[in-house]
Amino acid sequence: MELINYLNEHFYTKQQLLELSKIPESVFEQWQSNGLMPKCSYKLALNVESDSFFGIHAEAHTVEYYAKGYTAWLGNLQSISDEHSAYELFSRRYQNAIAELKAQGFASQNSKLNDGLSQHIESEWQHFQNGIYGLCTQSGLPEDIAAKEFAIVIINELTEQENLTHAQLTQLEQAVNLLDCASALFAPHERNNSSRHRLVDEVRRKYQF
């Protein structure tokens, strides 16, 4: 039940997402088939059996869960007709998010956040389509995805060094806080193996942030 409670609190079921977005299921599924809409982040197979005065009753259901931020993405899709246009929207928002983070002082020499950004975003688009970022970011949207990736790169770069200066420790703490804000809590059974545990909880413990 802990998993179901987590999913119901932090995600929308497919039916909830459709109702909130006022999108017909047939259109939603067509957008998924055409690569405009991400796949679900979790799919539960539920086998329910009840026993009452009327006897035993059994039924089976499959429930799909999606990031709550996808209501906004579905709103954008209503004016988009093909995967190329959807990708262009994703890429533009991702690039803008990276530029904003750099303007705030976050920095890395990693090529995928600089001259290799276009190629990196192409890879990120695939993960987005597969529903991966709906699982591991707060919103599932490009801004949180970019923040998560930028933060992870900085944290990895700094924690690979043995002796950090005061300025580097400040940069590390800021990156950890950024990842904390962008990253999902993860399902109870996933937390110990998650990037949040490794790069937020453990880094804060080690460096006493």
Protein backbone atom coordinates (compact mmCIF):
# COMPACT_ATOMS: atom_id res chain seq x y z
CA MET A 1 0.00 0.00 0.00
CA GLU A 2 2.92 2.37 0.57
CA LEU A 3 3.70 2.34 -3.16
CA ILE A 4 0.08 2.98 -4.13
CA ASN A 5 -0.16 5.83 -1.62
CA TYR A 6 3.02 7.38 -3.04
CA LEU A 7 1.78 7.14 -6.62
CA ASN A 8 -1.64 8.53 -5.81
CA GLU A 9 -0.08 11.49 -3.99
CA HIS A 10 2.62 12.43 -6.49
CA PHE A 11 1.23 11.34 -9.87
CA TYR A 12 -1.95 11.42 -11.91
CA THR A 13 -3.53 8.27 -13.22
CA LYS A 14 -4.15 8.24 -16.94
CA GLN A 15 -7.84 8.86 -16.33
CA GLN A 16 -7.14 11.82 -14.06
CA LEU A 17 -4.72 13.27 -16.59
CA LEU A 18 -7.28 12.98 -19.38
CA GLU A 19 -10.03 14.53 -17.29
CA LEU A 20 -7.88 17.46 -16.17
CA SER A 21 -6.53 18.07 -19.66
CA LYS A 22 -9.89 17.48 -21.38
CA ILE A 23 -8.13 15.32 -23.97
CA PRO A 24 -9.96 12.35 -25.54
CA GLU A 25 -8.22 9.03 -24.87
CA SER A 26 -7.97 8.33 -28.60
CA VAL A 27 -6.09 11.60 -29.17
CA PHE A 28 -3.85 10.96 -26.16
CA GLU A 29 -2.90 7.51 -27.43
CA GLN A 30 -2.29 8.86 -30.93
CA TRP A 31 0.08 11.47 -29.53
CA GLN A 32 1.93 8.75 -27.66
CA SER A 33 2.17 6.61 -30.81
CA ASN A 34 3.51 9.59 -32.76
CA GLY A 35 6.13 10.41 -30.12
CA LEU A 36 4.62 13.69 -28.92
CA MET A 37 3.47 12.48 -25.49
CA PRO A 38 5.64 10.54 -23.01
CA LYS A 39 4.77 7.02 -21.94
CA CYS A 40 3.65 6.40 -18.39
CA SER A 41 6.25 6.42 -15.63
CA TYR A 42 4.64 3.61 -13.65
CA LYS A 43 2.21 0.89 -14.64
CA LEU A 44 0.54 -1.13 -11.91
CA ALA A 45 -1.14 -4.48 -12.50
CA LEU A 46 -3.75 -4.80 -9.77
CA ASN A 47 -5.52 -8.04 -8.94
CA VAL A 48 -8.28 -7.31 -6.45
CA GLU A 49 -10.31 -9.88 -4.53
CA SER A 50 -13.10 -9.05 -2.11
CA ASP A 51 -15.04 -11.32 0.23
CA SER A 52 -18.43 -10.21 1.55
CA PHE A 53 -21.90 -11.48 2.36
CA PHE A 54 -22.48 -11.80 -1.38
CA GLY A 55 -19.44 -14.00 -1.84
CA ILE A 56 -16.00 -13.65 -3.38
CA HIS A 57 -15.43 -11.20 -6.20
CA ALA A 58 -12.19 -10.82 -8.19
CA GLU A 59 -11.17 -8.32 -10.81
CA ALA A 60 -7.96 -7.16 -12.51
CA HIS A 61 -6.93 -3.68 -13.55
CA THR A 62 -3.92 -1.96 -15.08
CA VAL A 63 -3.32 1.58 -13.89
CA GLU A 64 -0.92 3.98 -15.59
CA TYR A 65 0.65 6.87 -13.66
CA TYR A 66 1.98 10.10 -15.18
CA ALA A 67 3.86 13.12 -13.85
CA LYS A 68 1.51 15.91 -12.81
CA GLY A 69 3.42 18.37 -14.97
CA TYR A 70 2.13 16.60 -18.06
CA THR A 71 -1.12 18.52 -17.86
CA ALA A 72 0.90 21.54 -19.02
CA TRP A 73 2.65 19.51 -21.72
CA LEU A 74 -0.69 18.27 -23.04
CA GLY A 75 -1.87 21.86 -23.18
CA ASN A 76 1.10 22.69 -25.41
CA LEU A 77 0.43 19.72 -27.67
CA GLN A 78 -2.96 21.05 -28.67
CA SER A 79 -1.20 23.51 -30.98
CA ILE A 80 1.44 21.02 -32.20
CA SER A 81 0.87 18.53 -35.00
CA ASP A 82 4.01 16.41 -35.26
CA GLU A 83 6.98 14.99 -33.34
CA HIS A 84 9.43 17.45 -34.89
CA SER A 85 7.47 20.41 -33.52
CA ALA A 86 7.16 18.75 -30.13
CA TYR A 87 10.90 18.13 -30.07
CA GLU A 88 11.61 21.74 -31.05
CA LEU A 89 9.49 22.91 -28.10
CA PHE A 90 11.27 20.51 -25.73
CA SER A 91 14.70 21.53 -27.04
CA ARG A 92 13.99 25.27 -26.84
CA ARG A 93 12.75 25.02 -23.27
CA TYR A 94 15.70 22.80 -22.28
CA GLN A 95 18.22 25.24 -23.79
CA ASN A 96 16.51 28.21 -22.13
CA ALA A 97 16.64 26.42 -18.77
CA ILE A 98 20.37 25.74 -19.15
CA ALA A 99 21.00 29.37 -20.12
CA GLU A 100 19.04 30.57 -17.09
CA LEU A 101 20.99 28.30 -14.75
CA LYS A 102 24.27 29.60 -16.18
CA ALA A 103 23.04 33.16 -15.64
CA GLN A 104 22.42 32.23 -12.00
CA GLY A 105 26.05 31.16 -11.64
CA PHE A 106 25.93 27.41 -12.21
CA ALA A 107 28.89 26.32 -14.33
CA SER A 108 30.44 23.20 -15.83
CA GLN A 109 32.96 22.51 -18.56
CA ASN A 110 31.20 19.29 -19.53
CA SER A 111 30.68 19.34 -23.29
CA LYS A 112 27.09 18.09 -23.11
CA LEU A 113 26.13 21.33 -21.36
CA ASN A 114 28.12 23.49 -23.76
CA ASP A 115 29.12 22.80 -27.38
CA GLY A 116 27.56 19.32 -27.27
CA LEU A 117 24.23 20.51 -25.89
CA SER A 118 22.23 19.86 -29.07
CA GLN A 119 23.33 16.22 -29.21
CA HIS A 120 22.69 15.84 -25.49
CA ILE A 121 19.14 17.17 -25.82
CA GLU A 122 18.43 14.62 -28.54
CA SER A 123 19.29 11.89 -26.05
CA GLU A 124 17.24 13.58 -23.33
CA TRP A 125 14.25 13.68 -25.68
CA GLN A 126 14.33 9.89 -25.94
CA HIS A 127 14.32 9.52 -22.16
CA PHE A 128 11.49 12.06 -21.95
CA GLN A 129 9.41 10.13 -24.48
CA ASN A 130 9.95 6.87 -22.59
CA GLY A 131 8.54 8.35 -19.38
CA ILE A 132 11.81 8.15 -17.48
CA TYR A 133 11.84 11.81 -16.48
CA GLY A 134 8.24 11.65 -15.39
CA LEU A 135 9.51 9.23 -12.76
CA CYS A 136 12.69 10.95 -11.57
CA THR A 137 11.91 14.68 -11.74
CA GLN A 138 9.32 16.75 -9.92
CA SER A 139 7.34 17.79 -12.97
CA GLY A 140 8.63 15.69 -15.85
CA LEU A 141 9.06 18.91 -17.85
CA PRO A 142 12.17 20.21 -19.68
CA GLU A 143 13.03 22.78 -17.01
CA ASP A 144 13.32 20.20 -14.23
CA ILE A 145 15.11 17.76 -16.54
CA ALA A 146 17.72 20.38 -17.43
CA ALA A 147 18.16 21.36 -13.78
CA LYS A 148 18.56 17.74 -12.73
CA GLU A 149 21.17 17.06 -15.39
CA PHE A 150 23.12 20.25 -14.72
CA ALA A 151 23.15 19.58 -10.98
CA ILE A 152 24.29 15.97 -11.38
CA VAL A 153 27.18 17.01 -13.63
CA ILE A 154 28.39 19.62 -11.12
CA ILE A 155 28.05 17.29 -8.14
CA ASN A 156 29.97 14.53 -9.90
CA GLU A 157 32.72 16.92 -10.97
CA LEU A 158 33.22 18.35 -7.49
CA THR A 159 32.92 15.14 -5.46
CA GLU A 160 35.61 13.52 -7.61
CA GLN A 161 38.09 16.00 -6.12
CA GLU A 162 39.72 15.27 -2.78
CA ASN A 163 40.11 18.72 -1.25
CA LEU A 164 37.49 21.33 -2.04
CA THR A 165 37.96 25.03 -1.45
CA HIS A 166 35.33 27.05 0.40
CA ALA A 167 34.07 28.39 -2.94
CA GLN A 168 33.81 24.86 -4.36
CA LEU A 169 31.93 23.66 -1.29
CA THR A 170 29.48 26.50 -1.81
CA GLN A 171 29.07 25.47 -5.45
CA LEU A 172 28.52 21.89 -4.39
CA GLU A 173 25.87 22.81 -1.84
CA GLN A 174 24.06 24.95 -4.42
CA ALA A 175 24.11 22.08 -6.91
CA VAL A 176 22.78 19.65 -4.30
CA ASN A 177 19.97 22.08 -3.46
CA LEU A 178 19.17 22.42 -7.17
CA LEU A 179 18.97 18.66 -7.57
CA ASP A 180 16.85 18.40 -4.45
CA CYS A 181 14.33 20.82 -5.96
CA ALA A 182 14.25 19.21 -9.40
CA SER A 183 14.38 15.55 -8.38
CA ALA A 184 11.40 13.38 -7.48
CA LEU A 185 11.19 11.67 -4.11
CA PHE A 186 11.14 8.28 -5.85
CA ALA A 187 8.93 5.37 -4.88
CA PRO A 188 9.69 3.78 -1.48
CA HIS A 189 11.24 0.64 -2.97
CA GLU A 190 13.50 2.72 -5.28
CA ARG A 191 14.88 5.33 -2.90
CA ASN A 192 18.03 3.57 -1.69
CA ASN A 193 19.17 3.05 -5.29
CA SER A 194 18.09 6.46 -6.58
CA SER A 195 20.20 9.40 -7.73
CA ARG A 196 18.52 11.47 -4.98
CA HIS A 197 19.87 9.15 -2.27
CA ARG A 198 23.35 9.04 -3.78
CA LEU A 199 23.75 12.66 -4.81
CA VAL A 200 21.54 14.55 -2.36
CA ASP A 201 21.20 12.57 0.87
CA GLU A 202 24.68 11.04 0.88
CA VAL A 203 26.48 14.17 -0.29
CA ARG A 204 24.75 16.25 2.39
CA ARG A 205 25.72 13.68 4.98
CA LYS A 206 29.34 13.49 3.84
CA TYR A 207 29.89 17.26 3.55
CA GLN A 208 27.57 18.14 6.45
CA PHE A 209 25.38 20.55 4.49
